[in-house]
PDB file of all heavy atoms in Angstrom:
ATOM      1  N   LEU A   1      -1.311 -10.493  -9.702  1.00  0.00           N
ATOM      2  CA  LEU A   1      -0.107 -10.017 -10.239  1.00  0.00           C
ATOM      3  C   LEU A   1      -0.354  -9.066 -11.473  1.00  0.00           C
ATOM      4  O   LEU A   1      -1.186  -9.384 -12.316  1.00  0.00           O
ATOM      5  CB  LEU A   1       0.619 -11.216 -10.689  1.00  0.00           C
ATOM      6  CG  LEU A   1       2.158 -10.892 -11.244  1.00  0.00           C
ATOM      7  CD1 LEU A   1       3.007 -10.178 -10.189  1.00  0.00           C
ATOM      8  CD2 LEU A   1       2.810 -12.120 -11.730  1.00  0.00           C
ATOM      9  N   ASN A   2       0.301  -7.939 -11.478  1.00  0.00           N
ATOM     10  CA  ASN A   2       0.113  -6.883 -12.414  1.00  0.00           C
ATOM     11  C   ASN A   2      -1.245  -6.217 -12.370  1.00  0.00           C
ATOM     12  O   ASN A   2      -1.606  -5.385 -13.207  1.00  0.00           O
ATOM     13  CB  ASN A   2       0.391  -7.374 -13.949  1.00  0.00           C
ATOM     14  CG  ASN A   2       1.722  -7.878 -14.048  1.00  0.00           C
ATOM     15  OD1 ASN A   2       2.608  -7.266 -13.633  1.00  0.00           O
ATOM     16  ND2 ASN A   2       1.893  -8.954 -14.783  1.00  0.00           N
ATOM     17  N   GLY A   3      -1.979  -6.449 -11.307  1.00  0.00           N
ATOM     18  CA  GLY A   3      -3.336  -5.847 -11.101  1.00  0.00           C
ATOM     19  C   GLY A   3      -3.074  -4.607 -10.201  1.00  0.00           C
ATOM     20  O   GLY A   3      -2.187  -4.520  -9.341  1.00  0.00           O
ATOM     21  N   GLN A   4      -4.017  -3.636 -10.317  1.00  0.00           N
ATOM     22  CA  GLN A   4      -4.035  -2.441  -9.488  1.00  0.00           C
ATOM     23  C   GLN A   4      -4.414  -2.776  -8.075  1.00  0.00           C
ATOM     24  O   GLN A   4      -5.378  -3.585  -7.805  1.00  0.00           O
ATOM     25  CB  GLN A   4      -5.076  -1.381  -9.987  1.00  0.00           C
ATOM     26  CG  GLN A   4      -4.594  -0.823 -11.356  1.00  0.00           C
ATOM     27  CD  GLN A   4      -3.405   0.026 -11.252  1.00  0.00           C
ATOM     28  OE1 GLN A   4      -3.295   0.759 -10.330  1.00  0.00           O
ATOM     29  NE2 GLN A   4      -2.486  -0.051 -12.259  1.00  0.00           N
ATOM     30  N   VAL A   5      -3.630  -2.204  -7.070  1.00  0.00           N
ATOM     31  CA  VAL A   5      -3.941  -2.428  -5.634  1.00  0.00           C
ATOM     32  C   VAL A   5      -3.873  -1.056  -4.929  1.00  0.00           C
ATOM     33  O   VAL A   5      -3.111  -0.141  -5.281  1.00  0.00           O
ATOM     34  CB  VAL A   5      -3.100  -3.445  -5.060  1.00  0.00           C
ATOM     35  CG1 VAL A   5      -3.359  -4.840  -5.560  1.00  0.00           C
ATOM     36  CG2 VAL A   5      -1.662  -3.051  -5.130  1.00  0.00           C
ATOM     37  N   SER A   6      -4.447  -1.092  -3.755  1.00  0.00           N
ATOM     38  CA  SER A   6      -4.286   0.010  -2.805  1.00  0.00           C
ATOM     39  C   SER A   6      -3.910  -0.648  -1.482  1.00  0.00           C
ATOM     40  O   SER A   6      -4.634  -1.403  -0.983  1.00  0.00           O
ATOM     41  CB  SER A   6      -5.592   0.779  -2.682  1.00  0.00           C
ATOM     42  OG  SER A   6      -5.442   1.812  -1.630  1.00  0.00           O
ATOM     43  N   VAL A   7      -2.753  -0.267  -1.042  1.00  0.00           N
ATOM     44  CA  VAL A   7      -2.268  -0.844   0.252  1.00  0.00           C
ATOM     45  C   VAL A   7      -2.229   0.191   1.386  1.00  0.00           C
ATOM     46  O   VAL A   7      -1.601   1.217   1.179  1.00  0.00           O
ATOM     47  CB  VAL A   7      -0.774  -1.406   0.033  1.00  0.00           C
ATOM     48  CG1 VAL A   7      -0.242  -2.059   1.388  1.00  0.00           C
ATOM     49  CG2 VAL A   7      -0.804  -2.464  -1.035  1.00  0.00           C
ATOM     50  N   SER A   8      -2.920  -0.104   2.384  1.00  0.00           N
ATOM     51  CA  SER A   8      -2.850   0.807   3.609  1.00  0.00           C
ATOM     52  C   SER A   8      -1.892   0.286   4.577  1.00  0.00           C
ATOM     53  O   SER A   8      -1.961  -0.828   4.957  1.00  0.00           O
ATOM     54  CB  SER A   8      -4.310   0.907   4.198  1.00  0.00           C
ATOM     55  OG  SER A   8      -5.200   1.367   3.279  1.00  0.00           O
ATOM     56  N   VAL A   9      -0.933   1.145   4.932  1.00  0.00           N
ATOM     57  CA  VAL A   9       0.046   0.758   5.933  1.00  0.00           C
ATOM     58  C   VAL A   9      -0.205   1.443   7.231  1.00  0.00           C
ATOM     59  O   VAL A   9      -0.257   2.702   7.381  1.00  0.00           O
ATOM     60  CB  VAL A   9       1.545   1.135   5.375  1.00  0.00           C
ATOM     61  CG1 VAL A   9       2.603   0.686   6.316  1.00  0.00           C
ATOM     62  CG2 VAL A   9       1.718   0.559   3.990  1.00  0.00           C
ATOM     63  N   PHE A  10      -0.270   0.657   8.277  1.00  0.00           N
ATOM     64  CA  PHE A  10      -0.468   1.163   9.599  1.00  0.00           C
ATOM     65  C   PHE A  10       0.828   1.156  10.384  1.00  0.00           C
ATOM     66  O   PHE A  10       1.282   0.177  10.787  1.00  0.00           O
ATOM     67  CB  PHE A  10      -1.602   0.284  10.347  1.00  0.00           C
ATOM     68  CG  PHE A  10      -2.833   0.039   9.564  1.00  0.00           C
ATOM     69  CD1 PHE A  10      -3.151  -1.212   8.913  1.00  0.00           C
ATOM     70  CD2 PHE A  10      -3.720   1.132   9.246  1.00  0.00           C
ATOM     71  CE1 PHE A  10      -4.219  -1.375   8.153  1.00  0.00           C
ATOM     72  CE2 PHE A  10      -4.751   0.864   8.470  1.00  0.00           C
ATOM     73  CZ  PHE A  10      -5.046  -0.283   7.948  1.00  0.00           C
ATOM     74  N   GLY A  11       1.492   2.298  10.377  1.00  0.00           N
ATOM     75  CA  GLY A  11       2.757   2.476  11.127  1.00  0.00           C
ATOM     76  C   GLY A  11       2.679   2.796  12.470  1.00  0.00           C
ATOM     77  O   GLY A  11       1.640   2.780  13.146  1.00  0.00           O
ATOM     78  N   LEU A  12       3.816   2.981  13.034  1.00  0.00           N
ATOM     79  CA  LEU A  12       4.078   3.311  14.522  1.00  0.00           C
ATOM     80  C   LEU A  12       3.491   4.697  14.726  1.00  0.00           C
ATOM     81  O   LEU A  12       3.566   5.611  13.831  1.00  0.00           O
ATOM     82  CB  LEU A  12       5.479   3.279  14.883  1.00  0.00           C
ATOM     83  CG  LEU A  12       6.118   1.844  14.731  1.00  0.00           C
ATOM     84  CD1 LEU A  12       7.580   1.940  15.083  1.00  0.00           C
ATOM     85  CD2 LEU A  12       5.441   0.823  15.684  1.00  0.00           C
ATOM     86  N   ARG A  13       3.068   4.953  15.960  1.00  0.00           N
ATOM     87  CA  ARG A  13       2.592   6.259  16.378  1.00  0.00           C
ATOM     88  C   ARG A  13       1.535   6.865  15.494  1.00  0.00           C
ATOM     89  O   ARG A  13       1.632   8.073  15.081  1.00  0.00           O
ATOM     90  CB  ARG A  13       3.721   7.192  16.575  1.00  0.00           C
ATOM     91  CG  ARG A  13       4.775   6.769  17.595  1.00  0.00           C
ATOM     92  CD  ARG A  13       5.773   7.738  17.803  1.00  0.00           C
ATOM     93  NE  ARG A  13       6.804   7.302  18.724  1.00  0.00           N
ATOM     94  CZ  ARG A  13       8.016   7.617  18.730  1.00  0.00           C
ATOM     95  NH1 ARG A  13       8.560   8.376  17.903  1.00  0.00           N
ATOM     96  NH2 ARG A  13       8.805   7.087  19.673  1.00  0.00           N
ATOM     97  N   ASN A  14       0.595   6.006  14.981  1.00  0.00           N
ATOM     98  CA  ASN A  14      -0.532   6.399  14.202  1.00  0.00           C
ATOM     99  C   ASN A  14      -0.106   7.037  12.871  1.00  0.00           C
ATOM    100  O   ASN A  14      -0.791   7.978  12.339  1.00  0.00           O
ATOM    101  CB  ASN A  14      -1.517   7.298  14.886  1.00  0.00           C
ATOM    102  CG  ASN A  14      -2.131   6.614  16.027  1.00  0.00           C
ATOM    103  OD1 ASN A  14      -2.367   5.415  15.919  1.00  0.00           O
ATOM    104  ND2 ASN A  14      -2.403   7.213  17.146  1.00  0.00           N
ATOM    105  N   LYS A  15       1.106   6.779  12.357  1.00  0.00           N
ATOM    106  CA  LYS A  15       1.542   7.285  11.075  1.00  0.00           C
ATOM    107  C   LYS A  15       1.197   6.249   9.999  1.00  0.00           C
ATOM    108  O   LYS A  15       1.994   5.395   9.683  1.00  0.00           O
ATOM    109  CB  LYS A  15       3.078   7.567  11.087  1.00  0.00           C
ATOM    110  CG  LYS A  15       3.399   8.648  12.002  1.00  0.00           C
ATOM    111  CD  LYS A  15       4.814   9.067  11.945  1.00  0.00           C
ATOM    112  CE  LYS A  15       5.150  10.192  12.883  1.00  0.00           C
ATOM    113  NZ  LYS A  15       6.526  10.749  12.782  1.00  0.00           N
ATOM    114  N   ASN A  16       0.054   6.507   9.380  1.00  0.00           N
ATOM    115  CA  ASN A  16      -0.488   5.675   8.373  1.00  0.00           C
ATOM    116  C   ASN A  16      -0.296   6.253   7.065  1.00  0.00           C
ATOM    117  O   ASN A  16      -0.308   7.574   6.926  1.00  0.00           O
ATOM    118  CB  ASN A  16      -1.914   5.361   8.617  1.00  0.00           C
ATOM    119  CG  ASN A  16      -2.235   4.773  10.025  1.00  0.00           C
ATOM    120  OD1 ASN A  16      -1.378   4.068  10.554  1.00  0.00           O
ATOM    121  ND2 ASN A  16      -3.373   5.024  10.534  1.00  0.00           N
ATOM    122  N   TYR A  17      -0.114   5.493   5.995  1.00  0.00           N
ATOM    123  CA  TYR A  17       0.011   5.942   4.576  1.00  0.00           C
ATOM    124  C   TYR A  17      -0.586   5.056   3.703  1.00  0.00           C
ATOM    125  O   TYR A  17      -0.709   3.825   4.044  1.00  0.00           O
ATOM    126  CB  TYR A  17       1.407   6.419   4.299  1.00  0.00           C
ATOM    127  CG  TYR A  17       2.492   5.304   4.291  1.00  0.00           C
ATOM    128  CD1 TYR A  17       2.782   4.586   3.137  1.00  0.00           C
ATOM    129  CD2 TYR A  17       3.158   4.956   5.489  1.00  0.00           C
ATOM    130  CE1 TYR A  17       3.723   3.638   3.120  1.00  0.00           C
ATOM    131  CE2 TYR A  17       4.154   3.921   5.456  1.00  0.00           C
ATOM    132  CZ  TYR A  17       4.390   3.328   4.301  1.00  0.00           C
ATOM    133  OH  TYR A  17       5.320   2.391   4.253  1.00  0.00           O
ATOM    134  N   GLN A  18      -0.767   5.455   2.450  1.00  0.00           N
ATOM    135  CA  GLN A  18      -1.404   4.644   1.485  1.00  0.00           C
ATOM    136  C   GLN A  18      -0.419   4.486   0.312  1.00  0.00           C
ATOM    137  O   GLN A  18       0.297   5.443  -0.065  1.00  0.00           O
ATOM    138  CB  GLN A  18      -2.692   5.372   0.961  1.00  0.00           C
ATOM    139  CG  GLN A  18      -3.553   4.499   0.080  1.00  0.00           C
ATOM    140  CD  GLN A  18      -4.632   4.014   0.988  1.00  0.00           C
ATOM    141  OE1 GLN A  18      -4.773   4.233   2.112  1.00  0.00           O
ATOM    142  NE2 GLN A  18      -5.441   3.126   0.399  1.00  0.00           N
ATOM    143  N   VAL A  19      -0.389   3.274  -0.323  1.00  0.00           N
ATOM    144  CA  VAL A  19       0.456   3.008  -1.526  1.00  0.00           C
ATOM    145  C   VAL A  19      -0.528   2.545  -2.591  1.00  0.00           C
ATOM    146  O   VAL A  19      -1.231   1.597  -2.394  1.00  0.00           O
ATOM    147  CB  VAL A  19       1.469   1.973  -1.236  1.00  0.00           C
ATOM    148  CG1 VAL A  19       2.275   1.569  -2.569  1.00  0.00           C
ATOM    149  CG2 VAL A  19       2.438   2.282  -0.134  1.00  0.00           C
ATOM    150  N   ASN A  20      -0.581   3.309  -3.749  1.00  0.00           N
ATOM    151  CA  ASN A  20      -1.433   2.940  -4.799  1.00  0.00           C
ATOM    152  C   ASN A  20      -0.635   2.615  -5.998  1.00  0.00           C
ATOM    153  O   ASN A  20       0.236   3.424  -6.419  1.00  0.00           O
ATOM    154  CB  ASN A  20      -2.458   4.059  -5.092  1.00  0.00           C
ATOM    155  CG  ASN A  20      -3.381   4.470  -3.930  1.00  0.00           C
ATOM    156  OD1 ASN A  20      -4.041   3.561  -3.488  1.00  0.00           O
ATOM    157  ND2 ASN A  20      -3.446   5.653  -3.612  1.00  0.00           N
ATOM    158  N   GLY A  21      -0.771   1.374  -6.549  1.00  0.00           N
ATOM    159  CA  GLY A  21       0.028   1.088  -7.644  1.00  0.00           C
ATOM    160  C   GLY A  21      -0.385  -0.366  -8.197  1.00  0.00           C
ATOM    161  O   GLY A  21      -1.565  -0.660  -8.060  1.00  0.00           O
ATOM    162  N   TYR A  22       0.506  -1.156  -8.698  1.00  0.00           N
ATOM    163  CA  TYR A  22       0.287  -2.510  -9.166  1.00  0.00           C
ATOM    164  C   TYR A  22       1.277  -3.501  -8.611  1.00  0.00           C
ATOM    165  O   TYR A  22       2.393  -3.115  -8.260  1.00  0.00           O
ATOM    166  CB  TYR A  22       0.179  -2.486 -10.709  1.00  0.00           C
ATOM    167  CG  TYR A  22       1.380  -2.284 -11.313  1.00  0.00           C
ATOM    168  CD1 TYR A  22       2.338  -3.410 -11.629  1.00  0.00           C
ATOM    169  CD2 TYR A  22       1.849  -1.011 -11.664  1.00  0.00           C
ATOM    170  CE1 TYR A  22       3.522  -3.123 -12.381  1.00  0.00           C
ATOM    171  CE2 TYR A  22       2.989  -0.731 -12.332  1.00  0.00           C
ATOM    172  CZ  TYR A  22       3.913  -1.896 -12.671  1.00  0.00           C
ATOM    173  OH  TYR A  22       5.034  -1.544 -13.258  1.00  0.00           O
ATOM    174  N   ILE A  23       0.863  -4.731  -8.359  1.00  0.00           N
ATOM    175  CA  ILE A  23       1.683  -5.680  -7.938  1.00  0.00           C
ATOM    176  C   ILE A  23       2.632  -6.165  -9.021  1.00  0.00           C
ATOM    177  O   ILE A  23       2.260  -6.650 -10.026  1.00  0.00           O
ATOM    178  CB  ILE A  23       0.987  -6.952  -7.457  1.00  0.00           C
ATOM    179  CG1 ILE A  23       0.013  -6.589  -6.256  1.00  0.00           C
ATOM    180  CG2 ILE A  23       1.806  -8.094  -6.910  1.00  0.00           C
ATOM    181  CD1 ILE A  23      -0.949  -7.744  -5.797  1.00  0.00           C
ATOM    182  N   SER A  24       3.943  -5.834  -8.865  1.00  0.00           N
ATOM    183  CA  SER A  24       4.979  -6.011  -9.949  1.00  0.00           C
ATOM    184  C   SER A  24       5.557  -7.307  -9.846  1.00  0.00           C
ATOM    185  O   SER A  24       5.959  -7.903 -10.862  1.00  0.00           O
ATOM    186  CB  SER A  24       5.908  -4.864  -9.974  1.00  0.00           C
ATOM    187  OG  SER A  24       6.531  -4.705  -8.739  1.00  0.00           O
ATOM    188  N   ASN A  25       5.853  -7.890  -8.656  1.00  0.00           N
ATOM    189  CA  ASN A  25       6.575  -9.107  -8.429  1.00  0.00           C
ATOM    190  C   ASN A  25       5.988  -9.895  -7.266  1.00  0.00           C
ATOM    191  O   ASN A  25       5.645  -9.269  -6.356  1.00  0.00           O
ATOM    192  CB  ASN A  25       8.049  -8.879  -8.283  1.00  0.00           C
ATOM    193  CG  ASN A  25       8.687  -8.433  -9.533  1.00  0.00           C
ATOM    194  OD1 ASN A  25       8.634  -9.028 -10.621  1.00  0.00           O
ATOM    195  ND2 ASN A  25       9.426  -7.230  -9.455  1.00  0.00           N
TER     196      ASN A  25
END
């Protein structure tokens, strides 16, 4: 919690994206 993370999201039709931030809640 409150630590830095990088989340990789594997979406439909090979639409992947990255979320870089911190766990807030």
